[in-house]
Amino acid sequence: MSQRPTHLFDLRAGAIDSLYLTVKTADLAALQAALQARFDAAPGFYADEALVLDLRRLGGDERIDADALAHWLAQRALRPL
């Protein structure tokens, strides 16, 4: 594989300080309710945190609306990646 520099883009490893949300259910309403309970227990604690959505634990045929989840999280002052 070529490692020559290009003026079109830079691709490099990096480190980000973020939370990881491992989603274990495709039931968006149940997930939101459980997350809201966690957020309510510590108001403002997670505000403005970057958050990586990890969907790998969902079953092979399970699907979740990741866009809706990301929007919902953003409304709660998180920054989904």
PDB file of N, CA and C in Angstrom:
ATOM      1  N   MET A   1       0.837  -1.168   0.000  1.00  0.00           N
ATOM      2  CA  MET A   1       0.000   0.000   0.000  1.00  0.00           C
ATOM      3  C   MET A   1       0.888   1.239   0.000  1.00  0.00           C
ATOM      4  N   SER A   2       0.538   2.202  -0.812  1.00  0.00           N
ATOM      5  CA  SER A   2       1.320   3.421  -0.936  1.00  0.00           C
ATOM      6  C   SER A   2       1.149   4.309   0.289  1.00  0.00           C
ATOM      7  N   GLN A   3       2.235   4.864   0.772  1.00  0.00           N
ATOM      8  CA  GLN A   3       2.228   5.764   1.917  1.00  0.00           C
ATOM      9  C   GLN A   3       2.619   7.179   1.488  1.00  0.00           C
ATOM     10  N   ARG A   4       2.549   7.466   0.187  1.00  0.00           N
ATOM     11  CA  ARG A   4       2.941   8.779  -0.318  1.00  0.00           C
ATOM     12  C   ARG A   4       2.011   9.866   0.168  1.00  0.00           C
ATOM     13  N   PRO A   5       2.553  11.030   0.518  1.00  0.00           N
ATOM     14  CA  PRO A   5       1.717  12.161   0.939  1.00  0.00           C
ATOM     15  C   PRO A   5       0.843  12.636  -0.222  1.00  0.00           C
ATOM     16  N   THR A   6      -0.282  13.186   0.095  1.00  0.00           N
ATOM     17  CA  THR A   6      -1.177  13.740  -0.897  1.00  0.00           C
ATOM     18  C   THR A   6      -1.702  15.079  -0.397  1.00  0.00           C
ATOM     19  N   HIS A   7      -1.999  15.965  -1.306  1.00  0.00           N
ATOM     20  CA  HIS A   7      -2.568  17.256  -0.931  1.00  0.00           C
ATOM     21  C   HIS A   7      -4.089  17.178  -0.806  1.00  0.00           C
ATOM     22  N   LEU A   8      -4.675  16.029  -1.099  1.00  0.00           N
ATOM     23  CA  LEU A   8      -6.126  15.886  -1.078  1.00  0.00           C
ATOM     24  C   LEU A   8      -6.693  15.609   0.306  1.00  0.00           C
ATOM     25  N   PHE A   9      -5.900  14.980   1.176  1.00  0.00           N
ATOM     26  CA  PHE A   9      -6.379  14.671   2.529  1.00  0.00           C
ATOM     27  C   PHE A   9      -5.215  14.260   3.409  1.00  0.00           C
ATOM     28  N   ASP A  10      -5.477  14.273   4.706  1.00  0.00           N
ATOM     29  CA  ASP A  10      -4.579  13.700   5.695  1.00  0.00           C
ATOM     30  C   ASP A  10      -5.355  12.610   6.410  1.00  0.00           C
ATOM     31  N   LEU A  11      -4.749  11.465   6.600  1.00  0.00           N
ATOM     32  CA  LEU A  11      -5.348  10.365   7.322  1.00  0.00           C
ATOM     33  C   LEU A  11      -4.343   9.913   8.362  1.00  0.00           C
ATOM     34  N   ARG A  12      -4.712  10.029   9.622  1.00  0.00           N
ATOM     35  CA  ARG A  12      -3.754   9.702  10.666  1.00  0.00           C
ATOM     36  C   ARG A  12      -4.482   9.193  11.900  1.00  0.00           C
ATOM     37  N   ALA A  13      -3.756   8.516  12.715  1.00  0.00           N
ATOM     38  CA  ALA A  13      -4.298   8.027  13.971  1.00  0.00           C
ATOM     39  C   ALA A  13      -4.430   9.198  14.930  1.00  0.00           C
ATOM     40  N   GLY A  14      -5.368   9.107  15.821  1.00  0.00           N
ATOM     41  CA  GLY A  14      -5.542  10.166  16.793  1.00  0.00           C
ATOM     42  C   GLY A  14      -6.154   9.597  18.058  1.00  0.00           C
ATOM     43  N   ALA A  15      -6.180  10.387  19.051  1.00  0.00           N
ATOM     44  CA  ALA A  15      -6.789   9.999  20.313  1.00  0.00           C
ATOM     45  C   ALA A  15      -7.870  11.014  20.650  1.00  0.00           C
ATOM     46  N   ILE A  16      -9.008  10.512  21.081  1.00  0.00           N
ATOM     47  CA  ILE A  16     -10.076  11.405  21.485  1.00  0.00           C
ATOM     48  C   ILE A  16     -10.505  11.044  22.901  1.00  0.00           C
ATOM     49  N   ASP A  17     -10.816  12.048  23.645  1.00  0.00           N
ATOM     50  CA  ASP A  17     -11.319  11.858  24.992  1.00  0.00           C
ATOM     51  C   ASP A  17     -12.834  11.831  24.873  1.00  0.00           C
ATOM     52  N   SER A  18     -13.419  10.654  25.057  1.00  0.00           N
ATOM     53  CA  SER A  18     -14.860  10.539  24.861  1.00  0.00           C
ATOM     54  C   SER A  18     -15.441   9.427  25.712  1.00  0.00           C
ATOM     55  N   LEU A  19     -16.741   9.469  25.832  1.00  0.00           N
ATOM     56  CA  LEU A  19     -17.492   8.384  26.436  1.00  0.00           C
ATOM     57  C   LEU A  19     -17.840   7.388  25.339  1.00  0.00           C
ATOM     58  N   TYR A  20     -18.024   6.132  25.702  1.00  0.00           N
ATOM     59  CA  TYR A  20     -18.485   5.109  24.770  1.00  0.00           C
ATOM     60  C   TYR A  20     -19.826   4.602  25.266  1.00  0.00           C
ATOM     61  N   LEU A  21     -20.832   4.648  24.403  1.00  0.00           N
ATOM     62  CA  LEU A  21     -22.142   4.112  24.726  1.00  0.00           C
ATOM     63  C   LEU A  21     -22.305   2.813  23.948  1.00  0.00           C
ATOM     64  N   THR A  22     -22.242   1.700  24.653  1.00  0.00           N
ATOM     65  CA  THR A  22     -22.439   0.398  24.033  1.00  0.00           C
ATOM     66  C   THR A  22     -23.930   0.082  24.100  1.00  0.00           C
ATOM     67  N   VAL A  23     -24.572   0.055  22.950  1.00  0.00           N
ATOM     68  CA  VAL A  23     -26.013  -0.164  22.856  1.00  0.00           C
ATOM     69  C   VAL A  23     -26.260  -1.668  22.803  1.00  0.00           C
ATOM     70  N   LYS A  24     -27.121  -2.159  23.710  1.00  0.00           N
ATOM     71  CA  LYS A  24     -27.393  -3.598  23.802  1.00  0.00           C
ATOM     72  C   LYS A  24     -28.834  -3.945  23.470  1.00  0.00           C
ATOM     73  N   THR A  25     -29.611  -2.961  23.055  1.00  0.00           N
ATOM     74  CA  THR A  25     -31.003  -3.200  22.684  1.00  0.00           C
ATOM     75  C   THR A  25     -31.365  -2.332  21.487  1.00  0.00           C
ATOM     76  N   ALA A  26     -32.276  -2.844  20.666  1.00  0.00           N
ATOM     77  CA  ALA A  26     -32.781  -2.067  19.541  1.00  0.00           C
ATOM     78  C   ALA A  26     -34.046  -1.305  19.931  1.00  0.00           C
ATOM     79  N   ASP A  27     -34.505  -1.484  21.175  1.00  0.00           N
ATOM     80  CA  ASP A  27     -35.699  -0.803  21.667  1.00  0.00           C
ATOM     81  C   ASP A  27     -35.310   0.627  22.055  1.00  0.00           C
ATOM     82  N   LEU A  28     -35.479   1.545  21.118  1.00  0.00           N
ATOM     83  CA  LEU A  28     -35.043   2.925  21.306  1.00  0.00           C
ATOM     84  C   LEU A  28     -35.743   3.583  22.490  1.00  0.00           C
ATOM     85  N   ALA A  29     -37.032   3.360  22.649  1.00  0.00           N
ATOM     86  CA  ALA A  29     -37.774   3.975  23.756  1.00  0.00           C
ATOM     87  C   ALA A  29     -37.240   3.485  25.103  1.00  0.00           C
ATOM     88  N   ALA A  30     -36.994   2.187  25.238  1.00  0.00           N
ATOM     89  CA  ALA A  30     -36.466   1.646  26.492  1.00  0.00           C
ATOM     90  C   ALA A  30     -35.062   2.173  26.761  1.00  0.00           C
ATOM     91  N   LEU A  31     -34.251   2.252  25.722  1.00  0.00           N
ATOM     92  CA  LEU A  31     -32.895   2.765  25.857  1.00  0.00           C
ATOM     93  C   LEU A  31     -32.916   4.229  26.301  1.00  0.00           C
ATOM     94  N   GLN A  32     -33.756   5.028  25.672  1.00  0.00           N
ATOM     95  CA  GLN A  32     -33.864   6.439  26.033  1.00  0.00           C
ATOM     96  C   GLN A  32     -34.328   6.605  27.478  1.00  0.00           C
ATOM     97  N   ALA A  33     -35.287   5.800  27.901  1.00  0.00           N
ATOM     98  CA  ALA A  33     -35.780   5.894  29.278  1.00  0.00           C
ATOM     99  C   ALA A  33     -34.676   5.548  30.276  1.00  0.00           C
ATOM    100  N   ALA A  34     -33.909   4.503  29.990  1.00  0.00           N
ATOM    101  CA  ALA A  34     -32.827   4.098  30.883  1.00  0.00           C
ATOM    102  C   ALA A  34     -31.721   5.154  30.915  1.00  0.00           C
ATOM    103  N   LEU A  35     -31.385   5.698  29.751  1.00  0.00           N
ATOM    104  CA  LEU A  35     -30.371   6.751  29.700  1.00  0.00           C
ATOM    105  C   LEU A  35     -30.843   8.004  30.429  1.00  0.00           C
ATOM    106  N   GLN A  36     -32.111   8.365  30.240  1.00  0.00           N
ATOM    107  CA  GLN A  36     -32.632   9.554  30.896  1.00  0.00           C
ATOM    108  C   GLN A  36     -32.570   9.398  32.408  1.00  0.00           C
ATOM    109  N   ALA A  37     -32.853   8.199  32.909  1.00  0.00           N
ATOM    110  CA  ALA A  37     -32.757   7.956  34.346  1.00  0.00           C
ATOM    111  C   ALA A  37     -31.323   8.171  34.830  1.00  0.00           C
ATOM    112  N   ARG A  38     -30.346   7.726  34.036  1.00  0.00           N
ATOM    113  CA  ARG A  38     -28.935   7.936  34.396  1.00  0.00           C
ATOM    114  C   ARG A  38     -28.597   9.421  34.382  1.00  0.00           C
ATOM    115  N   PHE A  39     -29.051  10.133  33.347  1.00  0.00           N
ATOM    116  CA  PHE A  39     -28.775  11.566  33.246  1.00  0.00           C
ATOM    117  C   PHE A  39     -29.449  12.348  34.386  1.00  0.00           C
ATOM    118  N   ASP A  40     -30.667  11.947  34.738  1.00  0.00           N
ATOM    119  CA  ASP A  40     -31.388  12.624  35.812  1.00  0.00           C
ATOM    120  C   ASP A  40     -30.708  12.415  37.168  1.00  0.00           C
ATOM    121  N   ALA A  41     -30.026  11.285  37.330  1.00  0.00           N
ATOM    122  CA  ALA A  41     -29.348  10.988  38.599  1.00  0.00           C
ATOM    123  C   ALA A  41     -28.105  11.858  38.794  1.00  0.00           C
ATOM    124  N   ALA A  42     -27.579  12.384  37.700  1.00  0.00           N
ATOM    125  CA  ALA A  42     -26.372  13.224  37.782  1.00  0.00           C
ATOM    126  C   ALA A  42     -26.529  14.397  36.817  1.00  0.00           C
ATOM    127  N   PRO A  43     -27.408  15.332  37.127  1.00  0.00           N
ATOM    128  CA  PRO A  43     -27.677  16.447  36.204  1.00  0.00           C
ATOM    129  C   PRO A  43     -26.404  17.202  35.825  1.00  0.00           C
ATOM    130  N   GLY A  44     -26.224  17.380  34.535  1.00  0.00           N
ATOM    131  CA  GLY A  44     -25.094  18.147  34.027  1.00  0.00           C
ATOM    132  C   GLY A  44     -23.770  17.406  33.989  1.00  0.00           C
ATOM    133  N   PHE A  45     -23.707  16.223  34.583  1.00  0.00           N
ATOM    134  CA  PHE A  45     -22.433  15.498  34.659  1.00  0.00           C
ATOM    135  C   PHE A  45     -21.876  15.145  33.280  1.00  0.00           C
ATOM    136  N   TYR A  46     -22.752  14.774  32.360  1.00  0.00           N
ATOM    137  CA  TYR A  46     -22.318  14.352  31.027  1.00  0.00           C
ATOM    138  C   TYR A  46     -22.378  15.482  29.996  1.00  0.00           C
ATOM    139  N   ALA A  47     -22.745  16.665  30.407  1.00  0.00           N
ATOM    140  CA  ALA A  47     -22.933  17.772  29.472  1.00  0.00           C
ATOM    141  C   ALA A  47     -21.667  18.076  28.688  1.00  0.00           C
ATOM    142  N   ASP A  48     -21.835  18.249  27.414  1.00  0.00           N
ATOM    143  CA  ASP A  48     -20.786  18.625  26.462  1.00  0.00           C
ATOM    144  C   ASP A  48     -19.706  17.559  26.278  1.00  0.00           C
ATOM    145  N   GLU A  49     -20.015  16.310  26.648  1.00  0.00           N
ATOM    146  CA  GLU A  49     -19.065  15.215  26.446  1.00  0.00           C
ATOM    147  C   GLU A  49     -19.224  14.643  25.037  1.00  0.00           C
ATOM    148  N   ALA A  50     -18.106  14.314  24.413  1.00  0.00           N
ATOM    149  CA  ALA A  50     -18.141  13.571  23.154  1.00  0.00           C
ATOM    150  C   ALA A  50     -18.542  12.135  23.481  1.00  0.00           C
ATOM    151  N   LEU A  51     -19.326  11.522  22.601  1.00  0.00           N
ATOM    152  CA  LEU A  51     -19.863  10.197  22.873  1.00  0.00           C
ATOM    153  C   LEU A  51     -19.788   9.347  21.613  1.00  0.00           C
ATOM    154  N   VAL A  52     -19.124   8.219  21.710  1.00  0.00           N
ATOM    155  CA  VAL A  52     -19.036   7.271  20.601  1.00  0.00           C
ATOM    156  C   VAL A  52     -20.161   6.253  20.756  1.00  0.00           C
ATOM    157  N   LEU A  53     -20.945   6.065  19.724  1.00  0.00           N
ATOM    158  CA  LEU A  53     -22.004   5.059  19.735  1.00  0.00           C
ATOM    159  C   LEU A  53     -21.428   3.734  19.242  1.00  0.00           C
ATOM    160  N   ASP A  54     -21.466   2.723  20.081  1.00  0.00           N
ATOM    161  CA  ASP A  54     -20.989   1.390  19.732  1.00  0.00           C
ATOM    162  C   ASP A  54     -22.208   0.489  19.565  1.00  0.00           C
ATOM    163  N   LEU A  55     -22.494   0.102  18.338  1.00  0.00           N
ATOM    164  CA  LEU A  55     -23.682  -0.707  18.037  1.00  0.00           C
ATOM    165  C   LEU A  55     -23.344  -2.175  17.803  1.00  0.00           C
ATOM    166  N   ARG A  56     -22.119  -2.575  18.074  1.00  0.00           N
ATOM    167  CA  ARG A  56     -21.683  -3.938  17.775  1.00  0.00           C
ATOM    168  C   ARG A  56     -22.350  -5.009  18.623  1.00  0.00           C
ATOM    169  N   ARG A  57     -22.920  -4.662  19.763  1.00  0.00           N
ATOM    170  CA  ARG A  57     -23.543  -5.664  20.637  1.00  0.00           C
ATOM    171  C   ARG A  57     -24.983  -5.988  20.240  1.00  0.00           C
ATOM    172  N   LEU A  58     -25.517  -5.247  19.265  1.00  0.00           N
ATOM    173  CA  LEU A  58     -26.861  -5.573  18.786  1.00  0.00           C
ATOM    174  C   LEU A  58     -26.813  -6.895  18.043  1.00  0.00           C
ATOM    175  N   GLY A  59     -27.904  -7.656  18.122  1.00  0.00           N
ATOM    176  CA  GLY A  59     -27.984  -8.914  17.396  1.00  0.00           C
ATOM    177  C   GLY A  59     -27.901  -8.690  15.901  1.00  0.00           C
ATOM    178  N   GLY A  60     -27.539  -9.716  15.173  1.00  0.00           N
ATOM    179  CA  GLY A  60     -27.343  -9.612  13.729  1.00  0.00           C
ATOM    180  C   GLY A  60     -28.518  -9.039  12.973  1.00  0.00           C
ATOM    181  N   ASP A  61     -29.749  -9.325  13.432  1.00  0.00           N
ATOM    182  CA  ASP A  61     -30.928  -8.814  12.728  1.00  0.00           C
ATOM    183  C   ASP A  61     -31.549  -7.602  13.420  1.00  0.00           C
ATOM    184  N   GLU A  62     -30.955  -7.153  14.542  1.00  0.00           N
ATOM    185  CA  GLU A  62     -31.480  -5.986  15.244  1.00  0.00           C
ATOM    186  C   GLU A  62     -30.995  -4.700  14.581  1.00  0.00           C
ATOM    187  N   ARG A  63     -31.892  -3.740  14.476  1.00  0.00           N
ATOM    188  CA  ARG A  63     -31.560  -2.434  13.926  1.00  0.00           C
ATOM    189  C   ARG A  63     -32.083  -1.363  14.866  1.00  0.00           C
ATOM    190  N   ILE A  64     -31.324  -0.291  15.016  1.00  0.00           N
ATOM    191  CA  ILE A  64     -31.758   0.850  15.806  1.00  0.00           C
ATOM    192  C   ILE A  64     -31.576   2.085  14.941  1.00  0.00           C
ATOM    193  N   ASP A  65     -32.424   3.050  15.129  1.00  0.00           N
ATOM    194  CA  ASP A  65     -32.319   4.301  14.383  1.00  0.00           C
ATOM    195  C   ASP A  65     -31.212   5.139  15.025  1.00  0.00           C
ATOM    196  N   ALA A  66     -29.989   4.955  14.556  1.00  0.00           N
ATOM    197  CA  ALA A  66     -28.829   5.633  15.134  1.00  0.00           C
ATOM    198  C   ALA A  66     -28.925   7.140  14.973  1.00  0.00           C
ATOM    199  N   ASP A  67     -29.510   7.604  13.888  1.00  0.00           N
ATOM    200  CA  ASP A  67     -29.680   9.046  13.698  1.00  0.00           C
ATOM    201  C   ASP A  67     -30.624   9.628  14.749  1.00  0.00           C
ATOM    202  N   ALA A  68     -31.714   8.933  15.018  1.00  0.00           N
ATOM    203  CA  ALA A  68     -32.666   9.399  16.035  1.00  0.00           C
ATOM    204  C   ALA A  68     -32.018   9.378  17.412  1.00  0.00           C
ATOM    205  N   LEU A  69     -31.254   8.340  17.709  1.00  0.00           N
ATOM    206  CA  LEU A  69     -30.563   8.259  18.993  1.00  0.00           C
ATOM    207  C   LEU A  69     -29.542   9.385  19.124  1.00  0.00           C
ATOM    208  N   ALA A  70     -28.774   9.623  18.078  1.00  0.00           N
ATOM    209  CA  ALA A  70     -27.773  10.695  18.109  1.00  0.00           C
ATOM    210  C   ALA A  70     -28.443  12.050  18.303  1.00  0.00           C
ATOM    211  N   HIS A  71     -29.554  12.284  17.632  1.00  0.00           N
ATOM    212  CA  HIS A  71     -30.288  13.549  17.782  1.00  0.00           C
ATOM    213  C   HIS A  71     -30.788  13.704  19.220  1.00  0.00           C
ATOM    214  N   TRP A  72     -31.339  12.632  19.768  1.00  0.00           N
ATOM    215  CA  TRP A  72     -31.858  12.652  21.136  1.00  0.00           C
ATOM    216  C   TRP A  72     -30.731  12.953  22.126  1.00  0.00           C
ATOM    217  N   LEU A  73     -29.578  12.331  21.931  1.00  0.00           N
ATOM    218  CA  LEU A  73     -28.423  12.572  22.800  1.00  0.00           C
ATOM    219  C   LEU A  73     -27.940  14.019  22.680  1.00  0.00           C
ATOM    220  N   ALA A  74     -27.912  14.534  21.464  1.00  0.00           N
ATOM    221  CA  ALA A  74     -27.481  15.922  21.248  1.00  0.00           C
ATOM    222  C   ALA A  74     -28.421  16.895  21.953  1.00  0.00           C
ATOM    223  N   GLN A  75     -29.698  16.571  22.011  1.00  0.00           N
ATOM    224  CA  GLN A  75     -30.653  17.422  22.724  1.00  0.00           C
ATOM    225  C   GLN A  75     -30.370  17.437  24.225  1.00  0.00           C
ATOM    226  N   ARG A  76     -29.618  16.472  24.709  1.00  0.00           N
ATOM    227  CA  ARG A  76     -29.247  16.392  26.119  1.00  0.00           C
ATOM    228  C   ARG A  76     -27.805  16.838  26.350  1.00  0.00           C
ATOM    229  N   ALA A  77     -27.299  17.667  25.438  1.00  0.00           N
ATOM    230  CA  ALA A  77     -25.992  18.319  25.556  1.00  0.00           C
ATOM    231  C   ALA A  77     -24.812  17.376  25.411  1.00  0.00           C
ATOM    232  N   LEU A  78     -25.021  16.206  24.794  1.00  0.00           N
ATOM    233  CA  LEU A  78     -23.911  15.317  24.459  1.00  0.00           C
ATOM    234  C   LEU A  78     -23.530  15.552  23.004  1.00  0.00           C
ATOM    235  N   ARG A  79     -22.325  15.146  22.639  1.00  0.00           N
ATOM    236  CA  ARG A  79     -21.852  15.313  21.265  1.00  0.00           C
ATOM    237  C   ARG A  79     -21.568  13.946  20.661  1.00  0.00           C
ATOM    238  N   PRO A  80     -22.608  13.281  20.092  1.00  0.00           N
ATOM    239  CA  PRO A  80     -22.411  11.958  19.508  1.00  0.00           C
ATOM    240  C   PRO A  80     -21.474  12.002  18.307  1.00  0.00           C
ATOM    241  N   LEU A  81     -20.615  11.003  18.222  1.00  0.00           N
ATOM    242  CA  LEU A  81     -19.676  10.884  17.094  1.00  0.00           C
ATOM    243  C   LEU A  81     -20.117   9.751  16.206  1.00  0.00           C
TER     244      LEU A  81
END
